[in-house]
């Protein structure tokens, strides 16, 4: 399915369409798409309507020169939820998808969300004296040129073959060009969402992949210092793509979190 944003960009989303169930919204990281969420969708679909949004320039969404900033991605999320008349949504963002949700909170407050779940995204990408847990070796000394490097595969554990192949087929049909999203990656990297986490006004869960090639999972401990109310869990035998590598562990951690916060 597709909808047109206020700046006239067609964005694609998948939707299980169970309108009588509470809603989960998944947002992939940069370069990702809804294809890597199919196993998670199967696990949650009995209790939830599950929607996954392909961000602009990704998946089956339109390729465009417009809106290469996290705030515009947050606006895309708001416009999708308004278009579908959804409230009390549980937002799940992987990597930059989590940053999109934090940006949403900074602009709209809780808005149409009842809870936010972060899949392996540190609230600050650039390491410095105030924050040790950035993206790989990214610092202010090598930013932004460091972001042009090839960082290799994002996953550590095996990804289901059928899901992986469908993602490859989609990319063949709708090729992803990292150059098109370089400005967005720069904006993503320079953001600092720690203030949003400190002042979080809704339940939040942070899941980290213990074997993530991108982030040191100890950032979850630093988040607990920022806000002890934020739930955290480290997923073993897992890299950066928690939704694809360990869908069952992800499902179980989220269900435990939702139960704890009376969101089921």
Protein backbone atom coordinates (compact mmCIF):
# COMPACT_ATOMS: atom_id res chain seq x y z
CA UNK A 1 0.00 0.00 0.00
CA UNK A 2 1.06 3.58 -0.58
CA UNK A 3 0.24 7.05 0.66
CA UNK A 4 1.38 10.49 -0.46
CA UNK A 5 3.11 12.78 2.03
CA UNK A 6 2.49 16.51 2.35
CA UNK A 7 5.60 17.13 0.22
CA UNK A 8 4.21 14.86 -2.51
CA UNK A 9 6.35 11.76 -2.01
CA UNK A 10 4.81 8.29 -2.34
CA UNK A 11 5.70 6.06 0.60
CA UNK A 12 5.03 2.33 0.76
CA UNK A 13 3.88 0.42 3.81
CA UNK A 14 2.79 -3.13 4.54
CA UNK A 15 -0.24 -3.67 6.75
CA UNK A 16 -1.82 -6.81 8.17
CA UNK A 17 -5.06 -4.80 8.22
CA UNK A 18 -6.54 -6.14 11.45
CA UNK A 19 -8.31 -2.90 12.36
CA UNK A 20 -9.86 -4.29 15.58
CA UNK A 21 -6.45 -5.05 17.09
CA UNK A 22 -3.94 -2.65 18.69
CA UNK A 23 -1.30 -1.45 16.24
CA UNK A 24 2.44 -1.89 16.01
CA UNK A 25 4.45 0.24 13.57
CA UNK A 26 7.87 -0.99 12.47
CA UNK A 27 10.44 1.34 10.91
CA UNK A 28 13.57 -0.12 9.27
CA UNK A 29 17.01 1.41 9.51
CA UNK A 30 18.71 3.23 6.66
CA UNK A 31 18.86 1.00 3.59
CA UNK A 32 16.33 -1.45 5.06
CA UNK A 33 12.78 -2.33 4.14
CA UNK A 34 9.72 -4.20 5.36
CA UNK A 35 11.01 -7.48 3.87
CA UNK A 36 13.24 -8.11 6.90
CA UNK A 37 10.25 -7.89 9.26
CA UNK A 38 8.15 -10.77 7.95
CA UNK A 39 9.06 -13.26 10.71
CA UNK A 40 8.35 -10.67 13.41
CA UNK A 41 5.01 -9.87 11.79
CA UNK A 42 4.05 -13.56 11.91
CA UNK A 43 4.86 -13.71 15.62
CA UNK A 44 2.82 -10.64 16.55
CA UNK A 45 -0.10 -10.87 14.13
CA UNK A 46 -2.39 -12.86 16.45
CA UNK A 47 -2.55 -9.96 18.90
CA UNK A 48 -1.60 -6.91 16.83
CA UNK A 49 -2.18 -5.15 13.58
CA UNK A 50 1.35 -4.78 12.26
CA UNK A 51 2.42 -2.04 9.85
CA UNK A 52 5.92 -1.51 8.46
CA UNK A 53 6.79 1.76 6.74
CA UNK A 54 9.48 1.87 4.05
CA UNK A 55 11.20 5.25 4.58
CA UNK A 56 11.69 7.52 1.60
CA UNK A 57 14.44 6.28 -0.77
CA UNK A 58 14.16 2.76 0.69
CA UNK A 59 12.32 -0.46 -0.04
CA UNK A 60 9.35 0.13 -2.33
CA UNK A 61 8.99 3.81 -1.42
CA UNK A 62 9.71 6.58 -3.90
CA UNK A 63 13.26 7.71 -4.64
CA UNK A 64 13.43 11.45 -4.10
CA UNK A 65 15.82 14.34 -3.58
CA UNK A 66 13.52 15.75 -0.90
CA UNK A 67 13.39 15.36 2.86
CA UNK A 68 16.81 13.93 3.63
CA UNK A 69 16.57 14.72 7.34
CA UNK A 70 15.34 12.88 10.42
CA UNK A 71 12.70 15.51 11.20
CA UNK A 72 11.06 14.93 7.79
CA UNK A 73 11.06 11.18 8.44
CA UNK A 74 9.29 11.88 11.75
CA UNK A 75 6.72 13.94 9.86
CA UNK A 76 6.24 11.01 7.46
CA UNK A 77 5.41 8.80 10.44
CA UNK A 78 2.89 11.32 11.79
CA UNK A 79 1.24 11.71 8.39
CA UNK A 80 0.93 7.94 7.96
CA UNK A 81 -0.72 7.58 11.37
CA UNK A 82 -3.05 10.51 10.67
CA UNK A 83 -3.90 9.04 7.27
CA UNK A 84 -4.82 5.71 8.90
CA UNK A 85 -6.47 7.39 11.92
CA UNK A 86 -4.33 5.42 14.37
CA UNK A 87 -3.63 6.18 18.03
CA UNK A 88 -2.01 4.29 20.93
CA UNK A 89 0.50 2.80 18.51
CA UNK A 90 3.52 0.81 19.67
CA UNK A 91 6.46 2.10 17.64
CA UNK A 92 9.40 -0.19 16.90
CA UNK A 93 12.44 1.30 15.18
CA UNK A 94 15.59 -0.48 14.08
CA UNK A 95 18.72 1.65 13.83
CA UNK A 96 17.80 4.95 12.17
CA UNK A 97 14.16 3.88 12.51
CA UNK A 98 14.55 4.40 16.27
CA UNK A 99 15.97 7.86 15.63
CA UNK A 100 12.89 8.63 13.54
CA UNK A 101 10.74 7.75 16.55
CA UNK A 102 12.84 9.84 18.95
CA UNK A 103 12.57 12.73 16.51
CA UNK A 104 8.81 12.22 16.52
CA UNK A 105 8.79 12.48 20.33
CA UNK A 106 10.86 15.66 20.21
CA UNK A 107 8.40 17.29 17.77
CA UNK A 108 4.99 15.87 18.72
CA UNK A 109 5.48 14.52 22.24
CA UNK A 110 3.91 11.08 22.76
CA UNK A 111 1.39 12.02 20.07
CA UNK A 112 -0.14 8.89 18.59
CA UNK A 113 2.20 6.46 20.38
CA UNK A 114 1.70 4.52 23.61
CA UNK A 115 5.24 3.06 23.71
CA UNK A 116 8.54 3.20 21.81
CA UNK A 117 10.96 0.31 21.23
CA UNK A 118 14.52 0.81 19.99
CA UNK A 119 16.30 -2.01 18.17
CA UNK A 120 20.08 -1.53 18.43
CA UNK A 121 20.42 2.23 18.11
CA UNK A 122 22.53 4.35 20.43
CA UNK A 123 20.99 7.78 21.16
CA UNK A 124 24.25 9.41 20.06
CA UNK A 125 26.19 8.27 16.99
CA UNK A 126 29.36 10.34 17.45
CA UNK A 127 31.54 9.36 20.38
CA UNK A 128 33.13 12.11 22.45
CA UNK A 129 34.03 12.87 26.06
CA UNK A 130 30.36 12.91 27.05
CA UNK A 131 29.38 9.63 25.34
CA UNK A 132 31.53 6.57 24.66
CA UNK A 133 29.00 4.45 22.77
CA UNK A 134 28.87 5.83 19.26
CA UNK A 135 28.69 4.17 15.86
CA UNK A 136 31.83 2.04 15.33
CA UNK A 137 34.81 4.43 15.31
CA UNK A 138 32.91 7.58 14.37
CA UNK A 139 34.20 10.73 16.10
CA UNK A 140 34.05 14.47 15.44
CA UNK A 141 37.58 14.16 14.02
CA UNK A 142 36.54 11.86 11.14
CA UNK A 143 32.91 13.00 10.72
CA UNK A 144 31.36 13.08 8.13
CA UNK A 145 33.87 11.43 5.77
CA UNK A 146 33.89 8.26 7.89
CA UNK A 147 30.26 7.71 6.89
CA UNK A 148 31.30 7.15 3.27
CA UNK A 149 33.09 3.91 4.18
CA UNK A 150 31.72 0.45 3.47
CA UNK A 151 30.79 -0.92 6.92
CA UNK A 152 30.11 -4.44 5.73
CA UNK A 153 27.18 -6.59 6.76
CA UNK A 154 24.97 -5.42 9.60
CA UNK A 155 24.01 -8.87 10.87
CA UNK A 156 25.86 -11.49 12.94
CA UNK A 157 23.43 -14.41 13.10
CA UNK A 158 21.94 -16.27 10.13
CA UNK A 159 18.86 -14.65 8.60
CA UNK A 160 16.05 -16.87 7.34
CA UNK A 161 16.80 -17.76 3.71
CA UNK A 162 13.33 -17.02 2.33
CA UNK A 163 13.21 -13.62 4.03
CA UNK A 164 16.74 -12.76 2.90
CA UNK A 165 15.97 -13.77 -0.69
CA UNK A 166 12.80 -11.68 -0.76
CA UNK A 167 14.79 -8.69 0.41
CA UNK A 168 17.31 -9.29 -2.39
CA UNK A 169 14.51 -9.56 -4.95
CA UNK A 170 12.98 -6.32 -3.77
CA UNK A 171 16.35 -4.58 -3.98
CA UNK A 172 16.76 -5.83 -7.55
CA UNK A 173 13.38 -4.31 -8.40
CA UNK A 174 13.86 -1.15 -6.33
CA UNK A 175 17.63 -0.68 -6.00
CA UNK A 176 18.90 1.12 -2.94
CA UNK A 177 21.57 3.75 -3.60
CA UNK A 178 23.41 4.85 -0.43
CA UNK A 179 24.54 8.03 -2.19
CA UNK A 180 20.88 9.11 -2.33
CA UNK A 181 20.66 8.88 1.46
CA UNK A 182 24.09 10.24 2.36
CA UNK A 183 22.69 13.61 3.49
CA UNK A 184 20.18 11.78 5.66
CA UNK A 185 22.93 9.62 7.15
CA UNK A 186 24.93 12.75 8.00
CA UNK A 187 21.91 14.28 9.72
CA UNK A 188 21.24 10.99 11.53
CA UNK A 189 24.83 10.84 12.77
CA UNK A 190 24.98 14.36 14.15
CA UNK A 191 21.80 14.08 16.23
CA UNK A 192 21.87 13.58 20.00
CA UNK A 193 18.65 12.14 21.45
CA UNK A 194 19.74 11.86 25.08
CA UNK A 195 17.49 14.73 26.16
CA UNK A 196 14.50 12.93 24.63
CA UNK A 197 15.33 9.78 26.60
CA UNK A 198 15.82 11.70 29.83
CA UNK A 199 12.38 13.31 29.48
CA UNK A 200 10.56 10.29 27.99
CA UNK A 201 6.85 10.58 28.77
CA UNK A 202 5.85 7.11 27.65
CA UNK A 203 7.17 3.57 28.21
CA UNK A 204 10.35 2.83 26.31
CA UNK A 205 12.35 -0.35 25.70
CA UNK A 206 15.87 -0.54 24.26
CA UNK A 207 17.09 -3.84 22.81
CA UNK A 208 20.74 -4.22 21.78
CA UNK A 209 22.39 -6.97 19.77
CA UNK A 210 25.25 -8.40 21.85
CA UNK A 211 27.26 -9.06 18.68
CA UNK A 212 26.29 -5.91 16.80
CA UNK A 213 29.03 -4.82 14.38
CA UNK A 214 27.87 -1.22 14.74
CA UNK A 215 27.27 -0.53 18.44
CA UNK A 216 28.78 -1.65 21.75
CA UNK A 217 25.84 -3.21 23.59
CA UNK A 218 27.00 -1.55 26.81
CA UNK A 219 25.21 1.59 25.61
CA UNK A 220 22.16 0.06 27.30
CA UNK A 221 23.86 0.57 30.68
CA UNK A 222 24.51 4.22 29.84
CA UNK A 223 20.84 4.64 28.90
CA UNK A 224 19.78 3.32 32.31
CA UNK A 225 21.89 6.09 33.85
CA UNK A 226 20.04 8.64 31.72
CA UNK A 227 16.63 7.27 32.72
CA UNK A 228 16.25 4.30 35.01
CA UNK A 229 12.63 3.86 33.91
CA UNK A 230 13.67 2.85 30.40
CA UNK A 231 13.72 -0.91 29.98
CA UNK A 232 16.81 -2.46 28.40
CA UNK A 233 17.81 -5.94 27.31
CA UNK A 234 20.76 -7.39 25.42
CA UNK A 235 19.87 -10.02 22.81
CA UNK A 236 22.50 -12.77 22.62
CA UNK A 237 23.80 -14.27 19.37
CA UNK A 238 22.54 -11.22 17.51
CA UNK A 239 23.91 -8.40 15.42
CA UNK A 240 22.32 -5.12 14.37
CA UNK A 241 19.20 -6.49 12.65
CA UNK A 242 17.41 -7.84 15.69
CA UNK A 243 14.05 -8.13 13.89
CA UNK A 244 15.61 -10.42 11.26
CA UNK A 245 18.23 -12.31 13.27
CA UNK A 246 16.36 -13.07 16.49
CA UNK A 247 12.64 -12.47 15.89
CA UNK A 248 11.53 -14.89 18.64
CA UNK A 249 13.78 -13.33 21.29
CA UNK A 250 12.64 -9.89 20.16
CA UNK A 251 9.00 -10.92 20.37
CA UNK A 252 9.41 -12.37 23.84
CA UNK A 253 11.26 -9.31 25.17
CA UNK A 254 8.63 -6.94 23.78
CA UNK A 255 5.72 -8.97 25.12
CA UNK A 256 7.31 -9.01 28.58
CA UNK A 257 7.77 -5.22 28.36
CA UNK A 258 4.19 -4.66 27.22
CA UNK A 259 2.85 -6.86 30.04
CA UNK A 260 4.90 -4.98 32.59
CA UNK A 261 3.49 -1.65 31.39
CA UNK A 262 -0.13 -2.85 31.08
CA UNK A 263 -0.12 -2.34 27.32
CA UNK A 264 -1.66 -5.66 26.32
